[in-house]
Protein backbone atom coordinates (compact mmCIF):
# COMPACT_ATOMS: atom_id res chain seq x y z
CA UNK A 1 11.91 28.37 61.20
CA UNK A 2 8.93 26.19 62.44
CA UNK A 3 7.35 25.89 59.03
CA UNK A 4 10.64 24.86 57.57
CA UNK A 5 10.91 22.11 60.28
CA UNK A 6 7.14 20.96 59.66
CA UNK A 7 7.90 20.68 56.11
CA UNK A 8 10.99 18.54 56.55
CA UNK A 9 8.88 16.35 59.00
CA UNK A 10 6.05 16.07 56.48
CA UNK A 11 8.36 15.00 53.61
CA UNK A 12 10.20 12.55 56.03
CA UNK A 13 6.56 10.99 56.72
CA UNK A 14 5.79 10.90 52.82
CA UNK A 15 9.07 8.93 52.27
CA UNK A 16 8.46 6.51 54.87
CA UNK A 17 4.75 5.90 53.76
CA UNK A 18 5.48 5.76 50.18
CA UNK A 19 8.86 3.81 50.51
CA UNK A 20 10.57 6.53 48.33
CA UNK A 21 14.21 7.05 49.04
CA UNK A 22 16.08 10.30 48.12
CA UNK A 23 18.79 9.73 45.65
CA UNK A 24 22.26 9.60 47.10
CA UNK A 25 25.18 10.75 45.24
CA UNK A 26 28.73 9.06 45.79
CA UNK A 27 31.51 11.30 44.51
CA UNK A 28 34.55 9.32 43.86
CA UNK A 29 38.08 10.92 43.41
CA UNK A 30 40.73 9.26 41.24
CA UNK A 31 44.19 10.13 40.07
CA UNK A 32 43.96 11.61 36.74
CA UNK A 33 41.81 11.16 33.50
CA UNK A 34 44.51 8.90 32.13
CA UNK A 35 44.93 6.60 34.99
CA UNK A 36 43.33 3.11 35.44
CA UNK A 37 41.58 3.87 38.79
CA UNK A 38 39.88 6.61 36.83
CA UNK A 39 38.81 4.29 34.04
CA UNK A 40 37.54 1.77 36.61
CA UNK A 41 35.82 4.55 38.39
CA UNK A 42 33.85 5.54 35.03
CA UNK A 43 32.84 1.96 34.24
CA UNK A 44 31.84 1.42 38.11
CA UNK A 45 29.54 4.75 37.85
CA UNK A 46 27.86 3.43 34.76
CA UNK A 47 27.29 0.14 36.45
CA UNK A 48 25.81 1.64 39.41
CA UNK A 49 23.62 3.85 37.26
CA UNK A 50 22.34 0.63 35.31
CA UNK A 51 21.73 -1.11 38.97
CA UNK A 52 18.40 0.78 39.26
CA UNK A 53 19.22 1.65 42.83
CA UNK A 54 18.95 5.08 44.36
CA UNK A 55 22.78 5.68 44.40
CA UNK A 56 24.57 7.45 41.72
CA UNK A 57 28.26 7.94 41.34
CA UNK A 58 30.20 11.05 39.97
CA UNK A 59 33.93 10.65 39.04
CA UNK A 60 36.46 13.61 39.67
CA UNK A 61 40.27 13.67 39.57
CA UNK A 62 42.50 15.45 42.15
CA UNK A 63 45.41 13.27 42.66
CA UNK A 64 45.97 11.02 45.84
CA UNK A 65 47.24 13.42 48.59
CA UNK A 66 44.63 16.25 47.67
CA UNK A 67 41.90 13.58 47.28
CA UNK A 68 42.70 12.11 50.84
CA UNK A 69 42.35 15.72 52.26
CA UNK A 70 39.20 16.12 50.43
CA UNK A 71 37.88 12.84 51.91
CA UNK A 72 38.75 13.91 55.53
CA UNK A 73 36.77 17.21 54.64
CA UNK A 74 33.76 15.15 53.41
CA UNK A 75 34.07 16.90 49.81
CA UNK A 76 34.18 13.60 48.33
CA UNK A 77 33.03 10.03 49.20
CA UNK A 78 35.54 7.70 48.01
CA UNK A 79 39.34 8.44 47.07
CA UNK A 80 42.00 6.29 45.65
CA UNK A 81 45.01 6.09 47.92
CA UNK A 82 48.12 3.70 47.73
CA UNK A 83 48.42 1.32 50.82
CA UNK A 84 51.88 2.81 51.98
CA UNK A 85 50.46 6.37 51.68
CA UNK A 86 47.56 5.58 53.84
CA UNK A 87 50.12 4.52 56.61
CA UNK A 88 51.79 7.86 56.22
CA UNK A 89 48.53 9.68 56.59
CA UNK A 90 47.57 8.04 59.78
CA UNK A 91 51.19 8.54 61.13
CA UNK A 92 51.47 12.36 59.74
CA UNK A 93 54.50 11.26 57.39
CA UNK A 94 55.52 11.87 54.00
CA UNK A 95 53.37 14.19 52.24
CA UNK A 96 51.02 14.26 55.15
CA UNK A 97 53.40 15.31 57.78
CA UNK A 98 52.13 19.11 57.64
CA UNK A 99 48.36 17.92 57.74
CA UNK A 100 46.34 19.11 60.95
CA UNK A 101 45.79 16.70 63.62
CA UNK A 102 41.98 16.83 62.94
CA UNK A 103 42.88 15.52 59.49
CA UNK A 104 45.01 12.58 60.93
CA UNK A 105 42.00 11.90 63.58
CA UNK A 106 39.78 11.23 60.29
CA UNK A 107 42.28 9.46 58.49
CA UNK A 108 42.55 6.84 61.09
CA UNK A 109 38.72 6.28 60.88
CA UNK A 110 38.72 5.59 57.28
CA UNK A 111 38.09 1.98 55.64
CA UNK A 112 38.83 0.51 52.52
CA UNK A 113 36.26 -0.97 49.96
CA UNK A 114 38.99 -2.99 47.98
CA UNK A 115 42.27 -2.44 46.33
CA UNK A 116 43.85 -2.75 42.70
CA UNK A 117 47.11 -2.98 41.32
CA UNK A 118 46.99 -2.04 37.59
CA UNK A 119 48.39 1.21 37.51
CA UNK A 120 52.14 1.97 38.13
CA UNK A 121 54.85 4.71 38.10
CA UNK A 122 56.62 4.65 34.91
CA UNK A 123 59.70 6.66 33.45
CA UNK A 124 59.76 7.44 29.87
CA UNK A 125 62.52 9.26 27.77
CA UNK A 126 63.19 10.27 24.15
CA UNK A 127 65.42 7.83 22.64
CA UNK A 128 67.65 10.77 21.27
CA UNK A 129 68.33 11.82 24.82
CA UNK A 130 70.74 8.93 25.27
CA UNK A 131 68.84 7.74 28.65
CA UNK A 132 68.87 4.00 28.57
CA UNK A 133 69.01 3.10 32.27
CA UNK A 134 68.01 4.85 35.56
CA UNK A 135 71.70 6.33 36.23
CA UNK A 136 71.55 8.08 32.62
CA UNK A 137 69.20 10.75 34.29
CA UNK A 138 72.29 12.17 35.93
CA UNK A 139 72.73 15.86 34.19
CA UNK A 140 69.48 15.41 32.35
CA UNK A 141 66.25 17.59 32.37
CA UNK A 142 63.15 15.51 33.24
CA UNK A 143 59.62 15.92 34.93
CA UNK A 144 59.02 14.09 38.08
CA UNK A 145 55.26 14.46 38.69
CA UNK A 146 52.75 17.08 39.59
CA UNK A 147 53.70 19.69 42.34
CA UNK A 148 52.73 18.30 45.75
CA UNK A 149 52.24 14.63 44.51
CA UNK A 150 53.84 11.55 45.80
CA UNK A 151 55.62 10.74 42.49
CA UNK A 152 58.29 13.47 43.27
CA UNK A 153 59.27 11.87 46.56
CA UNK A 154 59.41 8.54 45.15
CA UNK A 155 61.45 9.51 42.43
CA UNK A 156 64.04 11.46 44.79
CA UNK A 157 64.32 8.12 46.54
CA UNK A 158 65.01 6.02 43.56
CA UNK A 159 67.56 8.49 42.20
CA UNK A 160 69.30 8.48 45.73
CA UNK A 161 69.57 4.69 45.70
CA UNK A 162 70.99 5.01 42.16
CA UNK A 163 73.68 7.30 43.47
CA UNK A 164 72.11 10.49 42.18
CA UNK A 165 71.55 13.50 44.18
CA UNK A 166 68.43 15.12 42.58
CA UNK A 167 68.94 18.69 43.77
CA UNK A 168 72.79 18.74 42.63
CA UNK A 169 73.16 16.37 39.88
CA UNK A 170 70.31 16.69 37.45
CA UNK A 171 67.50 19.21 36.46
CA UNK A 172 64.27 17.54 37.91
CA UNK A 173 61.16 19.50 37.65
CA UNK A 174 57.74 19.22 39.25
CA UNK A 175 55.56 19.26 36.32
CA UNK A 176 52.35 17.48 35.14
CA UNK A 177 53.32 14.75 32.46
CA UNK A 178 51.32 16.04 29.81
CA UNK A 179 53.11 19.30 29.76
CA UNK A 180 56.44 17.25 30.22
CA UNK A 181 55.52 15.12 26.96
CA UNK A 182 54.72 18.27 25.16
CA UNK A 183 58.04 19.66 26.16
CA UNK A 184 59.79 16.47 25.04
CA UNK A 185 57.99 16.68 21.55
CA UNK A 186 59.64 20.22 21.52
CA UNK A 187 63.00 18.72 22.32
CA UNK A 188 63.13 21.01 25.57
CA UNK A 189 62.93 18.00 28.06
CA UNK A 190 64.74 14.60 28.10
CA UNK A 191 62.06 12.51 29.95
CA UNK A 192 59.26 12.13 32.34
CA UNK A 193 57.47 10.25 35.11
CA UNK A 194 53.94 9.17 34.10
CA UNK A 195 51.66 7.11 36.03
CA UNK A 196 49.00 4.58 34.66
CA UNK A 197 48.54 1.25 32.98
CA UNK A 198 49.49 -0.44 29.69
CA UNK A 199 49.18 1.41 27.21
CA UNK A 200 49.41 4.72 28.92
CA UNK A 201 47.52 7.28 27.13
CA UNK A 202 50.07 10.05 27.46
CA UNK A 203 52.74 7.82 26.20
CA UNK A 204 50.80 6.44 23.49
CA UNK A 205 50.08 9.99 22.09
CA UNK A 206 53.73 11.05 22.64
CA UNK A 207 55.04 7.84 20.80
CA UNK A 208 53.21 9.10 17.66
CA UNK A 209 55.16 12.30 17.67
CA UNK A 210 58.77 11.13 18.78
CA UNK A 211 60.55 7.92 19.44
CA UNK A 212 60.43 6.74 23.26
CA UNK A 213 61.70 4.20 25.52
CA UNK A 214 60.94 3.29 29.14
CA UNK A 215 63.58 3.41 31.64
CA UNK A 216 63.85 1.05 34.60
CA UNK A 217 65.07 1.32 38.07
CA UNK A 218 67.66 -1.48 38.86
CA UNK A 219 65.48 -4.32 40.18
CA UNK A 220 68.50 -5.26 42.37
CA UNK A 221 68.04 -2.15 44.45
CA UNK A 222 64.38 -2.74 45.56
CA UNK A 223 65.34 -3.66 49.06
CA UNK A 224 67.45 -0.36 49.28
CA UNK A 225 64.58 1.60 47.93
CA UNK A 226 62.19 0.22 50.29
CA UNK A 227 64.27 1.29 53.25
CA UNK A 228 64.76 4.76 51.70
CA UNK A 229 61.21 5.57 51.86
CA UNK A 230 58.24 5.63 54.55
CA UNK A 231 56.11 2.58 54.32
CA UNK A 232 58.46 0.97 51.62
CA UNK A 233 57.53 -2.61 52.45
CA UNK A 234 54.33 -1.88 50.36
CA UNK A 235 56.09 -1.05 47.12
CA UNK A 236 57.16 -3.40 44.54
CA UNK A 237 58.94 -3.41 40.89
CA UNK A 238 56.53 -4.57 38.53
CA UNK A 239 58.15 -6.39 35.56
CA UNK A 240 56.61 -5.99 32.09
CA UNK A 241 57.78 -8.15 29.26
CA UNK A 242 59.40 -6.40 26.29
CA UNK A 243 56.88 -8.13 24.03
CA UNK A 244 54.00 -6.61 26.02
CA UNK A 245 55.46 -2.97 25.63
CA UNK A 246 55.90 -3.78 21.95
CA UNK A 247 52.30 -4.81 21.39
CA UNK A 248 50.81 -2.06 23.44
CA UNK A 249 52.47 0.65 21.65
CA UNK A 250 52.74 -1.15 18.17
CA UNK A 251 56.50 -0.83 18.09
CA UNK A 252 56.54 2.99 18.56
CA UNK A 253 58.13 2.62 21.99
CA UNK A 254 61.65 0.86 21.99
CA UNK A 255 61.73 -2.25 24.09
CA UNK A 256 65.06 -3.93 24.12
CA UNK A 257 64.45 -6.00 27.21
CA UNK A 258 61.92 -6.42 30.01
CA UNK A 259 60.92 -3.09 31.88
CA UNK A 260 60.30 -2.42 35.46
CA UNK A 261 57.65 0.10 36.95
CA UNK A 262 57.11 0.78 40.75
CA UNK A 263 53.70 0.14 42.19
CA UNK A 264 51.73 -0.83 45.26
CA UNK A 265 48.10 -1.92 46.15
CA UNK A 266 45.73 1.21 45.44
CA UNK A 267 42.93 1.30 47.67
CA UNK A 268 39.51 2.61 47.23
CA UNK A 269 39.17 4.67 50.67
CA UNK A 270 35.86 5.78 52.26
CA UNK A 271 35.41 7.87 55.44
CA UNK A 272 33.38 6.72 58.45
CA UNK A 273 30.07 8.42 57.16
CA UNK A 274 29.44 6.00 54.50
CA UNK A 275 26.79 3.43 55.46
CA UNK A 276 27.15 -0.02 55.52
CA UNK A 277 24.42 -0.52 52.95
CA UNK A 278 25.86 2.06 50.52
CA UNK A 279 29.25 0.37 50.70
CA UNK A 280 27.79 -2.92 50.26
CA UNK A 281 25.74 -1.99 47.13
CA UNK A 282 28.42 -0.15 45.29
CA UNK A 283 30.96 -3.06 45.97
CA UNK A 284 28.63 -5.54 44.84
CA UNK A 285 27.64 -3.78 41.85
CA UNK A 286 31.29 -3.61 40.89
CA UNK A 287 32.34 -7.00 41.55
CA UNK A 288 29.34 -8.81 40.35
CA UNK A 289 30.01 -7.21 36.97
CA UNK A 290 33.65 -7.55 36.85
CA UNK A 291 33.67 -9.59 33.66
CA UNK A 292 32.14 -6.32 31.98
CA UNK A 293 35.02 -4.31 33.61
CA UNK A 294 37.71 -6.73 32.32
CA UNK A 295 36.50 -6.16 28.79
CA UNK A 296 36.93 -2.32 28.67
CA UNK A 297 40.76 -2.44 28.50
CA UNK A 298 43.92 -4.23 28.39
CA UNK A 299 44.75 -2.88 32.01
CA UNK A 300 41.41 -3.42 33.53
CA UNK A 301 41.65 -6.97 32.21
CA UNK A 302 43.84 -7.69 35.01
CA UNK A 303 41.52 -6.93 37.82
CA UNK A 304 40.25 -9.92 39.80
CA UNK A 305 38.40 -10.32 43.06
CA UNK A 306 41.02 -12.84 43.98
CA UNK A 307 43.38 -9.97 44.98
CA UNK A 308 40.98 -7.24 45.65
CA UNK A 309 41.85 -7.55 49.65
CA UNK A 310 45.76 -8.31 49.11
CA UNK A 311 47.93 -6.19 51.24
CA UNK A 312 45.36 -3.74 52.53
CA UNK A 313 46.96 -1.24 54.96
CA UNK A 314 43.39 -0.14 56.22
CA UNK A 315 40.59 -1.94 57.63
CA UNK A 316 37.98 -3.22 55.43
CA UNK A 317 34.58 -1.49 55.56
CA UNK A 318 31.92 -3.57 57.14
CA UNK A 319 29.65 -3.03 54.02
CA UNK A 320 32.24 -4.17 51.81
CA UNK A 321 33.26 -6.91 54.08
CA UNK A 322 29.76 -8.44 53.85
CA UNK A 323 30.00 -8.61 50.29
CA UNK A 324 33.47 -10.43 50.18
CA UNK A 325 32.33 -12.73 52.75
CA UNK A 326 29.25 -13.62 50.50
CA UNK A 327 31.64 -14.63 47.65
CA UNK A 328 34.14 -16.42 49.95
CA UNK A 329 37.14 -13.84 49.72
CA UNK A 330 36.97 -12.81 53.34
């Protein structure tokens, strides 16, 4: 034991004398490989690698709820979570209502680096299913997101405010959208929930095998929807012009009118173990190179430092705050 401690002490002295800093790996959890936050995380990790510092980034995908729990356990260093869901986590509500008290205690200590709003919850159906509006999901077979995820909870609330009892009036199944889109192409499922930006990769691939259309919640029901779900004030219906849909999918997705998706600020959360210097470095590296990020895709082109701090439901991390103060955004 003494020899090990002596070695550690010796290495520490060498690091101090030479100025060498051991490499720090930051693991960032995103929603899924097709989500905009995942695409952003990959670009971000490349920028951090090019920065020449001692920090490196690795990207994984475990969804939001599981990712938050992994962050509480220290298994990842950054995880993406919606603003309303962070409040659920700290209040032990929604998908976090069964979480142990020790997790809730850790959730309350977490901080946000920034937020984006590029991704959204979308509903797509086969044109030949006859589903044109949200109420048409009654009596249909469709997928509502991965088991244990937030999408199913949101979909159930949306169906309820549209007058549909999910358990009794339709065949709604918890299923990842890649599997659901495959089932739709085999004509064994009518529609599915997807998460992402424009174009959404799964929908883009699916539209090459079958004729699709997006199905919108009724925008006049936004207030009722917000009241039906925990932390509902953070949810919005994002309008997407029909011409944007047509352009993004080259006419393969029907767009007779503008469509609506649901979304909220998506915060990049860290636990209280991340140092101010690390938070400052990775935040600065991303936003100082945002022009490069914007060029990578249509969805990421919408990201701007001007709304990076809009509607955060968590406190800003001091290290990230230092950067935003330097650029006049805080």
